[in-house]
Amino acid sequence: MLFLNPTIEMILDNVNDAICIVNKNCIAIFWNKRAEEIYKVNRESVVGRHITDLFPTALLPKVIKEKRPYVNVYNSPREDSHNIITARPLYRGNELIGAISCDRDISELIRLTNLLDRTKLDLKLLEEEVTALNENRFSFDQIVGSDIKFKEIINLCKKVSKSKMNVLITGESGTGKEVFARAIHIESKRKGHFIPINCSAIPEDLMESELFGYEGGAFTGALKKGRMGKFELAHEGTLFLDEIGDMPLSMQPKILRVLEDGMITRVGGSKSIKVDVRVVAATNKDLKGMMKKGFFRKDLYYRLNSILISLPPLRERKDDIPDLVNRFIEQFCITYRSNIPVIPPEVMNILINYDWEGNIRELKNIIERIVILVKNNKAKKVDLNFLPRSIIENSKAKVENKEEIFDLNKIIDNTEKNTIRRAMKITKGNKAKAAKLLNIPRSTLYFKLDKYKLE
């Protein structure tokens, strides 16, 4: 016979696993408190009965019959209940006297695992949605520009996007170099991600680990598992090296090696890793001048310079300013939940004639300021006072310095022509709206469009 003393029962009742003990006839003689909690069956209903009466698929009868243990066997006694069971035969000397099972409840672990799986699936779907949104937001179709030379640049970028050639984008700060880099990536249809890194923002002693990653314990403060660098993150995608002119000279040969053979080695590692990365670099510096002074390697320059894209400053794209202003107004009105205000011609003229040393970035910041002031003042149109004083004073200075023209007919024609052109820009070519803005009959507008060959 198999008996348990009270001390043993007390100990087993305080174990966090479900314990069941049966004699050699599979009659339950012990059922601890944790077993009651897991299986929702009290001790009195179990003890004294054949274990299969309550649990037809119980493991203990097999242990008795086969006289061998079962270790870490999965069991789901009811819906949403999951256990790992270990069961062993009990012997007194060589005599089999019963068996014991220890059931560990893993229901919460399974629930978390299922939740994690669903989260991963949701995350994958979310990534697909974000990718689709990014494709709409950052595609070439979203780049504003009607200037002929600017359109030629866009067409060139579209043509080279699907190639594997590296691209170097040059232009002043704020001209949209990263916008073009993202559009090139989207147009390329590469499977991987677009990974940007600003070379001027990374300290020189961290540049190598940022680009190539590191193995665990490579340096003080390194993660134990190591970390992937930007090149690995951009595998099958695009790595955007912004401000490449600030890349430390010591790092340039290592970048060149990756561009030549597609192999990287993590800091502190010895294994070479193959990566498939398309590199788009950008700079507002004169790399040729830097080469002559020895600050930039010629071989790296010519490796990056497979395709050269030069973006013009905004002051050379004045005809695009009204479209950019309207686009930014619409965007920021959505952001700040404000109605779209009217932009009077005199305000638009000031914006068009300003030099915009900060280019599109500066214009975007000014428009955001305007939208905030429009909302705070509950205004329906953009007042001159909403513009920074520096822009207004710059406009006045230009008017004062402008060469005087005394031919009255020429002055009238030029003023009329420029005003009509800007009205058409503001209304996006809508002649009815332009005529209303100009306060003239539509037939008069048609006549003047034909007269000044503005169509």
Protein backbone atom coordinates (compact mmCIF):
# COMPACT_ATOMS: atom_id res chain seq x y z
CA MET A 1 0.00 0.00 0.00
CA LEU A 2 1.00 3.60 -0.62
CA PHE A 3 0.43 6.10 2.17
CA LEU A 4 1.44 9.74 2.71
CA ASN A 5 2.11 11.26 6.11
CA PRO A 6 0.65 14.70 6.97
CA THR A 7 4.01 16.46 6.71
CA ILE A 8 4.55 15.27 3.13
CA GLU A 9 0.97 16.27 2.24
CA MET A 10 1.54 19.74 3.70
CA ILE A 11 4.74 20.18 1.66
CA LEU A 12 3.08 19.01 -1.57
CA ASP A 13 0.13 21.33 -0.99
CA ASN A 14 2.51 24.29 -1.08
CA VAL A 15 4.16 23.32 -4.35
CA ASN A 16 3.27 25.59 -7.29
CA ASP A 17 2.73 22.62 -9.64
CA ALA A 18 -0.27 20.26 -9.70
CA ILE A 19 0.65 16.98 -7.97
CA CYS A 20 -1.33 13.76 -8.37
CA ILE A 21 -0.33 10.42 -6.82
CA VAL A 22 -2.00 7.10 -7.65
CA ASN A 23 -1.45 3.60 -6.36
CA LYS A 24 -0.54 0.69 -8.63
CA ASN A 25 -4.27 0.26 -9.47
CA CYS A 26 -4.47 3.88 -10.68
CA ILE A 27 -6.63 4.91 -7.72
CA ALA A 28 -5.90 8.50 -6.77
CA ILE A 29 -4.58 8.81 -3.21
CA PHE A 30 -3.41 12.45 -3.33
CA TRP A 31 -4.52 15.59 -5.17
CA ASN A 32 -2.88 18.84 -4.05
CA LYS A 33 -4.32 22.35 -3.83
CA ARG A 34 -2.62 23.54 -7.00
CA ALA A 35 -4.23 20.64 -8.90
CA GLU A 36 -7.60 21.82 -7.63
CA GLU A 37 -6.89 25.33 -8.96
CA ILE A 38 -5.64 24.19 -12.38
CA TYR A 39 -8.24 21.51 -13.11
CA LYS A 40 -11.16 23.04 -11.16
CA VAL A 41 -11.83 19.69 -9.45
CA ASN A 42 -11.70 19.45 -5.64
CA ARG A 43 -9.73 16.81 -3.73
CA GLU A 44 -12.77 14.94 -2.45
CA SER A 45 -13.96 14.30 -6.01
CA VAL A 46 -10.64 12.77 -7.04
CA VAL A 47 -9.16 10.84 -4.11
CA GLY A 48 -10.39 7.26 -3.97
CA ARG A 49 -11.44 7.11 -7.60
CA HIS A 50 -9.76 5.67 -10.68
CA ILE A 51 -7.94 8.55 -12.31
CA THR A 52 -9.46 7.84 -15.74
CA ASP A 53 -12.95 8.35 -14.32
CA LEU A 54 -12.30 12.07 -14.29
CA PHE A 55 -9.42 12.27 -16.79
CA PRO A 56 -9.84 9.66 -19.56
CA THR A 57 -6.56 10.62 -21.25
CA ALA A 58 -4.52 10.75 -18.06
CA LEU A 59 -0.84 9.85 -18.41
CA LEU A 60 -0.46 8.00 -15.09
CA PRO A 61 -2.09 4.69 -16.24
CA LYS A 62 0.49 4.52 -19.08
CA VAL A 63 3.29 5.07 -16.58
CA ILE A 64 1.95 2.20 -14.42
CA LYS A 65 1.47 -0.08 -17.40
CA GLU A 66 4.79 0.63 -19.12
CA LYS A 67 6.74 1.13 -15.91
CA ARG A 68 8.64 4.05 -17.36
CA PRO A 69 8.67 7.81 -16.86
CA TYR A 70 7.34 10.48 -19.21
CA VAL A 71 9.12 13.82 -19.06
CA ASN A 72 7.78 17.22 -20.22
CA VAL A 73 4.76 15.90 -22.12
CA TYR A 74 2.31 18.53 -23.44
CA ASN A 75 -1.32 18.16 -22.34
CA SER A 76 -4.44 20.26 -22.89
CA PRO A 77 -7.06 18.93 -20.44
CA ARG A 78 -9.66 21.48 -21.53
CA GLU A 79 -10.05 24.47 -23.84
CA ASP A 80 -7.62 27.30 -23.10
CA SER A 81 -5.76 25.13 -20.58
CA HIS A 82 -2.22 23.98 -21.35
CA ASN A 83 0.10 21.93 -19.17
CA ILE A 84 3.50 20.30 -19.28
CA ILE A 85 3.42 16.98 -17.41
CA THR A 86 6.22 14.91 -15.96
CA ALA A 87 5.10 11.50 -14.58
CA ARG A 88 7.23 8.80 -12.97
CA PRO A 89 6.60 5.34 -11.50
CA LEU A 90 7.10 4.93 -7.74
CA TYR A 91 8.96 1.90 -6.36
CA ARG A 92 9.52 0.46 -2.90
CA GLY A 93 12.65 -1.56 -3.53
CA ASN A 94 11.87 -3.43 -6.75
CA GLU A 95 8.10 -3.38 -6.21
CA LEU A 96 5.96 -0.93 -8.23
CA ILE A 97 3.61 0.73 -5.73
CA GLY A 98 2.20 3.63 -7.76
CA ALA A 99 3.03 6.73 -9.81
CA ILE A 100 3.28 10.48 -9.38
CA SER A 101 2.62 13.28 -11.90
CA CYS A 102 3.72 16.88 -11.73
CA ASP A 103 1.73 19.23 -13.99
CA ARG A 104 3.02 22.72 -14.70
CA ASP A 105 0.44 25.20 -15.99
CA ILE A 106 1.75 26.97 -19.09
CA SER A 107 -1.60 28.46 -20.16
CA GLU A 108 -0.37 32.02 -19.62
CA LEU A 109 2.82 31.30 -21.56
CA ILE A 110 0.78 29.85 -24.45
CA ARG A 111 -1.56 32.83 -24.33
CA LEU A 112 1.38 35.23 -24.48
CA THR A 113 2.95 33.21 -27.29
CA ASN A 114 -0.29 33.34 -29.29
CA LEU A 115 -0.56 37.04 -28.55
CA LEU A 116 3.02 37.52 -29.73
CA ASP A 117 2.28 35.59 -32.92
CA ARG A 118 -0.80 37.73 -33.56
CA THR A 119 1.21 40.85 -32.76
CA LYS A 120 3.90 39.79 -35.23
CA LEU A 121 1.23 39.24 -37.86
CA ASP A 122 -0.36 42.60 -37.04
CA LEU A 123 3.08 44.20 -37.15
CA LYS A 124 3.75 42.67 -40.55
CA LEU A 125 0.41 43.98 -41.84
CA LEU A 126 1.18 47.37 -40.27
CA GLU A 127 4.59 47.43 -41.96
CA GLU A 128 2.92 46.70 -45.27
CA GLU A 129 0.45 49.53 -44.66
CA VAL A 130 3.24 51.93 -43.65
CA THR A 131 5.22 50.92 -46.75
CA ALA A 132 2.19 51.63 -48.92
CA LEU A 133 1.66 54.99 -47.19
CA ASN A 134 5.33 55.88 -47.61
CA GLU A 135 5.17 54.97 -51.28
CA ASN A 136 2.29 57.41 -51.68
CA ARG A 137 3.86 60.07 -49.50
CA PHE A 138 7.44 59.96 -50.77
CA SER A 139 7.04 58.94 -54.41
CA PHE A 140 8.15 61.14 -57.30
CA ASP A 141 4.49 61.99 -57.92
CA GLN A 142 4.44 63.89 -54.63
CA ILE A 143 7.39 66.12 -55.52
CA VAL A 144 6.14 69.59 -56.45
CA GLY A 145 7.75 71.17 -59.47
CA SER A 146 6.66 72.47 -62.87
CA ASP A 147 10.01 74.03 -63.79
CA ILE A 148 11.28 72.37 -67.00
CA LYS A 149 14.82 71.74 -65.72
CA PHE A 150 13.45 70.41 -62.44
CA LYS A 151 11.16 68.01 -64.29
CA GLU A 152 14.17 66.78 -66.28
CA ILE A 153 15.91 65.98 -62.98
CA ILE A 154 12.87 64.00 -61.81
CA ASN A 155 12.74 62.05 -65.08
CA LEU A 156 16.47 61.23 -64.82
CA CYS A 157 15.99 59.96 -61.26
CA LYS A 158 13.09 57.76 -62.34
CA LYS A 159 15.21 56.22 -65.11
CA VAL A 160 18.14 55.36 -62.85
CA SER A 161 16.04 54.22 -59.87
CA LYS A 162 15.65 50.64 -61.02
CA SER A 163 19.38 50.21 -61.69
CA LYS A 164 21.87 49.17 -59.00
CA MET A 165 24.08 52.18 -59.65
CA ASN A 166 25.06 54.40 -56.74
CA VAL A 167 23.68 57.94 -56.80
CA LEU A 168 25.24 61.16 -55.54
CA ILE A 169 22.82 64.03 -54.89
CA THR A 170 24.25 67.53 -54.49
CA GLY A 171 22.55 70.77 -53.60
CA GLU A 172 22.29 73.45 -50.98
CA SER A 173 20.86 72.65 -47.56
CA GLY A 174 17.08 72.36 -47.66
CA THR A 175 16.71 71.61 -51.38
CA GLY A 176 15.12 68.20 -50.81
CA LYS A 177 18.02 65.76 -51.16
CA GLU A 178 16.51 63.20 -48.76
CA VAL A 179 13.11 63.54 -50.47
CA PHE A 180 14.73 62.54 -53.76
CA ALA A 181 16.67 59.72 -52.09
CA ARG A 182 13.44 58.27 -50.66
CA ALA A 183 11.68 58.62 -54.00
CA ILE A 184 14.54 56.80 -55.73
CA HIS A 185 14.25 53.96 -53.20
CA ILE A 186 10.47 53.67 -53.66
CA GLU A 187 10.76 53.77 -57.46
CA SER A 188 13.46 51.07 -57.33
CA LYS A 189 11.00 48.55 -55.79
CA ARG A 190 13.80 47.10 -53.68
CA LYS A 191 12.51 44.70 -51.03
CA GLY A 192 14.52 46.10 -48.10
CA HIS A 193 14.15 49.27 -46.08
CA PHE A 194 15.30 52.83 -46.68
CA ILE A 195 17.90 53.47 -43.96
CA PRO A 196 19.15 57.07 -43.56
CA ILE A 197 22.21 58.13 -41.61
CA ASN A 198 23.52 61.65 -41.18
CA CYS A 199 27.32 61.42 -41.36
CA SER A 200 27.78 64.82 -39.71
CA ALA A 201 25.74 63.80 -36.65
CA ILE A 202 27.77 60.69 -35.70
CA PRO A 203 30.99 61.11 -33.65
CA GLU A 204 34.04 59.79 -35.50
CA ASP A 205 34.79 57.09 -32.92
CA LEU A 206 31.24 55.69 -33.27
CA MET A 207 30.96 55.91 -37.05
CA GLU A 208 32.33 52.42 -37.77
CA SER A 209 30.04 50.65 -35.28
CA GLU A 210 27.03 52.63 -36.55
CA LEU A 211 27.66 51.63 -40.15
CA PHE A 212 28.99 48.08 -39.74
CA GLY A 213 27.61 47.03 -36.35
CA TYR A 214 29.58 45.26 -33.63
CA GLU A 215 29.94 41.90 -31.92
CA GLY A 216 29.07 41.42 -28.25
CA GLY A 217 31.74 42.77 -25.92
CA ALA A 218 33.56 44.60 -28.72
CA PHE A 219 33.97 47.67 -26.51
CA THR A 220 32.87 49.10 -23.18
CA GLY A 221 29.12 49.60 -23.17
CA ALA A 222 28.50 47.24 -26.10
CA LEU A 223 25.39 45.06 -25.97
CA LYS A 224 26.12 41.42 -25.08
CA LYS A 225 24.42 40.16 -28.22
CA GLY A 226 26.08 42.74 -30.43
CA ARG A 227 24.15 44.90 -32.88
CA MET A 228 23.59 45.18 -36.60
CA GLY A 229 24.88 48.27 -38.35
CA LYS A 230 23.16 50.42 -40.97
CA PHE A 231 24.53 48.38 -43.87
CA GLU A 232 22.97 45.17 -42.53
CA LEU A 233 19.70 46.96 -41.77
CA ALA A 234 19.64 48.21 -45.35
CA HIS A 235 20.18 44.72 -46.84
CA GLU A 236 18.19 44.46 -50.09
CA GLY A 237 17.22 48.09 -49.59
CA THR A 238 18.81 51.54 -49.79
CA LEU A 239 21.33 53.19 -47.47
CA PHE A 240 21.17 56.99 -47.59
CA LEU A 241 24.48 58.57 -46.56
CA ASP A 242 23.49 62.16 -45.90
CA GLU A 243 26.25 64.77 -45.56
CA ILE A 244 28.80 62.35 -47.05
CA GLY A 245 31.26 65.24 -47.18
CA ASP A 246 31.56 64.96 -43.38
CA MET A 247 32.55 61.27 -43.52
CA PRO A 248 35.86 60.91 -41.59
CA LEU A 249 38.82 60.27 -43.89
CA SER A 250 39.70 57.15 -41.89
CA MET A 251 36.29 55.64 -42.67
CA GLN A 252 36.30 56.33 -46.39
CA PRO A 253 38.41 53.28 -47.44
CA LYS A 254 36.04 51.00 -45.50
CA ILE A 255 33.02 52.49 -47.27
CA LEU A 256 34.83 52.02 -50.57
CA ARG A 257 35.41 48.34 -49.82
CA VAL A 258 31.70 47.75 -49.21
CA LEU A 259 30.82 49.52 -52.45
CA GLU A 260 33.33 47.38 -54.35
CA ASP A 261 32.70 43.87 -52.99
CA GLY A 262 29.53 44.16 -50.87
CA MET A 263 31.23 42.73 -47.76
CA ILE A 264 31.23 44.16 -44.24
CA THR A 265 32.88 43.09 -40.98
CA ARG A 266 31.43 44.04 -37.63
CA VAL A 267 33.60 45.84 -35.08
CA GLY A 268 35.25 43.19 -32.91
CA GLY A 269 34.40 40.44 -35.39
CA SER A 270 36.36 38.48 -37.98
CA LYS A 271 33.54 37.10 -40.11
CA SER A 272 32.73 38.86 -43.39
CA ILE A 273 29.01 39.42 -44.04
CA LYS A 274 27.61 39.78 -47.55
CA VAL A 275 25.14 42.64 -48.01
CA ASP A 276 23.09 43.77 -50.99
CA VAL A 277 22.80 47.52 -50.52
CA ARG A 278 22.14 50.35 -52.94
CA VAL A 279 23.88 53.51 -51.73
CA VAL A 280 22.52 57.00 -52.29
CA ALA A 281 24.77 59.75 -50.92
CA ALA A 282 24.13 63.46 -50.57
CA THR A 283 26.16 66.54 -49.79
CA ASN A 284 26.01 70.32 -49.85
CA LYS A 285 29.80 70.53 -50.00
CA ASP A 286 32.19 70.83 -52.93
CA LEU A 287 33.59 67.28 -52.99
CA LYS A 288 35.91 68.05 -55.92
CA GLY A 289 37.44 70.90 -53.95
CA MET A 290 37.78 68.61 -50.94
CA MET A 291 39.54 66.01 -53.13
CA LYS A 292 42.12 68.56 -54.20
CA LYS A 293 42.79 69.41 -50.55
CA GLY A 294 43.02 65.74 -49.59
CA PHE A 295 39.87 65.70 -47.44
CA PHE A 296 37.93 63.30 -49.66
CA ARG A 297 39.20 60.25 -51.52
CA LYS A 298 39.04 60.35 -55.31
CA ASP A 299 38.29 56.63 -55.63
CA LEU A 300 35.33 56.93 -53.24
CA TYR A 301 34.05 60.02 -55.05
CA TYR A 302 34.04 58.33 -58.43
CA ARG A 303 32.49 55.17 -56.95
CA LEU A 304 29.64 57.22 -55.47
CA ASN A 305 29.35 59.46 -58.48
CA SER A 306 27.95 56.82 -60.86
CA ILE A 307 24.93 59.09 -61.28
CA LEU A 308 25.15 62.75 -60.26
CA ILE A 309 21.95 64.60 -59.42
CA SER A 310 22.27 68.35 -58.82
CA LEU A 311 19.22 69.93 -57.19
CA PRO A 312 18.67 73.65 -57.86
CA PRO A 313 18.10 76.14 -55.03
CA LEU A 314 14.56 77.45 -54.56
CA ARG A 315 15.52 80.92 -55.79
CA GLU A 316 16.04 79.33 -59.23
CA ARG A 317 12.55 77.76 -59.12
CA LYS A 318 10.43 80.81 -58.33
CA ASP A 319 7.57 79.62 -60.54
CA ASP A 320 7.22 76.58 -58.25
CA ILE A 321 6.85 78.66 -55.08
CA PRO A 322 3.04 79.17 -55.32
CA ASP A 323 2.52 75.42 -55.72
CA LEU A 324 4.82 74.68 -52.78
CA VAL A 325 3.08 77.30 -50.65
CA ASN A 326 -0.34 75.81 -51.42
CA ARG A 327 0.91 72.27 -50.71
CA PHE A 328 2.40 73.24 -47.34
CA ILE A 329 -0.68 75.28 -46.42
CA GLU A 330 -2.88 72.23 -47.04
CA GLN A 331 -0.57 69.93 -45.05
CA PHE A 332 -0.28 72.18 -42.01
CA CYS A 333 -3.98 73.04 -41.99
CA ILE A 334 -4.62 69.31 -41.61
CA THR A 335 -1.98 69.05 -38.88
CA TYR A 336 -3.34 72.02 -36.91
CA ARG A 337 -7.00 71.42 -37.82
CA SER A 338 -7.42 74.81 -39.39
CA ASN A 339 -9.42 75.99 -42.40
CA ILE A 340 -7.36 76.82 -45.48
CA PRO A 341 -6.84 80.61 -45.55
CA VAL A 342 -6.82 82.87 -48.60
CA ILE A 343 -3.34 84.05 -49.65
CA PRO A 344 -3.56 87.60 -51.01
CA PRO A 345 -1.47 88.38 -54.14
CA GLU A 346 0.75 90.85 -52.25
CA VAL A 347 1.69 88.13 -49.73
CA MET A 348 2.35 85.58 -52.47
CA ASN A 349 4.49 88.13 -54.36
CA ILE A 350 6.66 88.65 -51.28
CA LEU A 351 7.09 84.89 -50.87
CA ILE A 352 7.96 84.50 -54.55
CA ASN A 353 10.54 87.25 -54.57
CA TYR A 354 12.29 86.28 -51.34
CA ASP A 355 15.70 84.59 -51.83
CA TRP A 356 15.07 81.61 -49.51
CA GLU A 357 18.64 80.88 -48.45
CA GLY A 358 17.28 77.92 -46.46
CA ASN A 359 15.42 76.76 -49.57
CA ILE A 360 12.34 74.51 -49.29
CA ARG A 361 13.00 73.76 -45.61
CA GLU A 362 12.90 77.47 -44.76
CA LEU A 363 9.74 78.00 -46.83
CA LYS A 364 8.05 75.06 -45.09
CA ASN A 365 8.90 76.47 -41.66
CA ILE A 366 7.51 79.89 -42.60
CA ILE A 367 4.26 78.38 -43.88
CA GLU A 368 3.87 76.41 -40.65
CA ARG A 369 4.28 79.68 -38.73
CA ILE A 370 1.65 81.33 -40.95
CA VAL A 371 -0.89 78.53 -40.41
CA ILE A 372 -0.42 78.69 -36.62
CA LEU A 373 -0.93 82.48 -36.61
CA VAL A 374 -3.98 82.17 -38.89
CA LYS A 375 -5.56 79.69 -36.48
CA ASN A 376 -4.65 81.62 -33.32
CA ASN A 377 -6.05 84.84 -34.81
CA LYS A 378 -9.08 83.08 -36.32
CA ALA A 379 -8.20 84.76 -39.61
CA LYS A 380 -9.64 83.84 -42.99
CA LYS A 381 -6.72 85.18 -44.99
CA VAL A 382 -2.97 85.51 -44.55
CA ASP A 383 -2.11 88.96 -43.25
CA LEU A 384 1.23 90.60 -44.04
CA ASN A 385 1.87 90.75 -40.29
CA PHE A 386 1.96 86.94 -40.24
CA LEU A 387 5.22 87.04 -42.20
CA PRO A 388 8.55 87.45 -40.36
CA ARG A 389 9.76 91.05 -40.35
CA SER A 390 13.00 90.03 -42.07
CA ILE A 391 11.07 88.80 -45.13
CA ILE A 392 8.95 91.96 -45.35
CA GLU A 393 12.00 94.22 -45.00
CA ASN A 394 13.84 92.20 -47.63
CA SER A 395 10.90 92.72 -50.00
CA LYS A 396 10.86 96.47 -49.37
CA ALA A 397 14.61 96.71 -49.97
CA LYS A 398 14.26 94.95 -53.31
CA VAL A 399 11.53 97.33 -54.42
CA GLU A 400 13.65 100.35 -53.45
CA ASN A 401 16.74 98.99 -55.22
CA LYS A 402 14.91 97.96 -58.36
CA GLU A 403 15.93 99.87 -61.47
CA GLU A 404 13.34 102.47 -62.35
CA ILE A 405 11.42 102.05 -65.62
CA PHE A 406 9.69 105.11 -67.01
CA ASP A 407 7.94 103.57 -69.99
CA LEU A 408 4.39 103.60 -68.59
CA ASN A 409 2.99 101.15 -71.14
CA LYS A 410 5.80 98.67 -70.39
CA ILE A 411 5.24 99.03 -66.64
CA ILE A 412 1.51 98.39 -67.05
CA ASP A 413 2.07 95.38 -69.34
CA ASN A 414 4.68 93.81 -67.04
CA THR A 415 2.54 94.34 -63.96
CA GLU A 416 -0.54 92.93 -65.69
CA LYS A 417 1.34 89.95 -67.09
CA ASN A 418 2.98 89.04 -63.76
CA THR A 419 -0.26 89.49 -61.82
CA ILE A 420 -2.20 87.24 -64.20
CA ARG A 421 0.57 84.60 -64.11
CA ARG A 422 0.52 84.55 -60.32
CA ALA A 423 -3.26 84.44 -60.17
CA MET A 424 -3.21 81.40 -62.44
CA LYS A 425 -0.60 79.80 -60.19
CA ILE A 426 -2.58 80.49 -57.03
CA THR A 427 -5.77 79.04 -58.51
CA LYS A 428 -3.87 76.13 -60.09
CA GLY A 429 -4.96 77.10 -63.62
CA ASN A 430 -8.65 77.51 -62.78
CA LYS A 431 -9.62 80.43 -65.05
CA ALA A 432 -12.96 81.10 -63.40
CA LYS A 433 -11.31 81.42 -59.98
CA ALA A 434 -8.43 83.47 -61.44
CA ALA A 435 -10.86 85.91 -63.09
CA LYS A 436 -12.71 86.29 -59.78
CA LEU A 437 -9.43 86.84 -57.91
CA LEU A 438 -8.38 89.47 -60.47
CA ASN A 439 -11.85 91.05 -60.35
CA ILE A 440 -12.22 90.98 -64.15
CA PRO A 441 -14.68 89.20 -66.48
CA ARG A 442 -13.65 85.75 -67.62
CA SER A 443 -13.71 86.91 -71.26
CA THR A 444 -11.18 89.63 -70.41
CA LEU A 445 -8.92 87.04 -68.78
CA TYR A 446 -9.07 84.85 -71.91
CA PHE A 447 -8.10 87.86 -74.03
CA LYS A 448 -5.16 88.78 -71.83
CA LEU A 449 -3.93 85.16 -71.58
CA ASP A 450 -3.83 85.10 -75.36
CA LYS A 451 -2.25 88.57 -75.54
CA TYR A 452 0.63 87.68 -73.22
CA LYS A 453 0.85 84.08 -74.50
CA LEU A 454 0.42 82.70 -70.98
CA GLU A 455 -1.49 79.55 -71.93
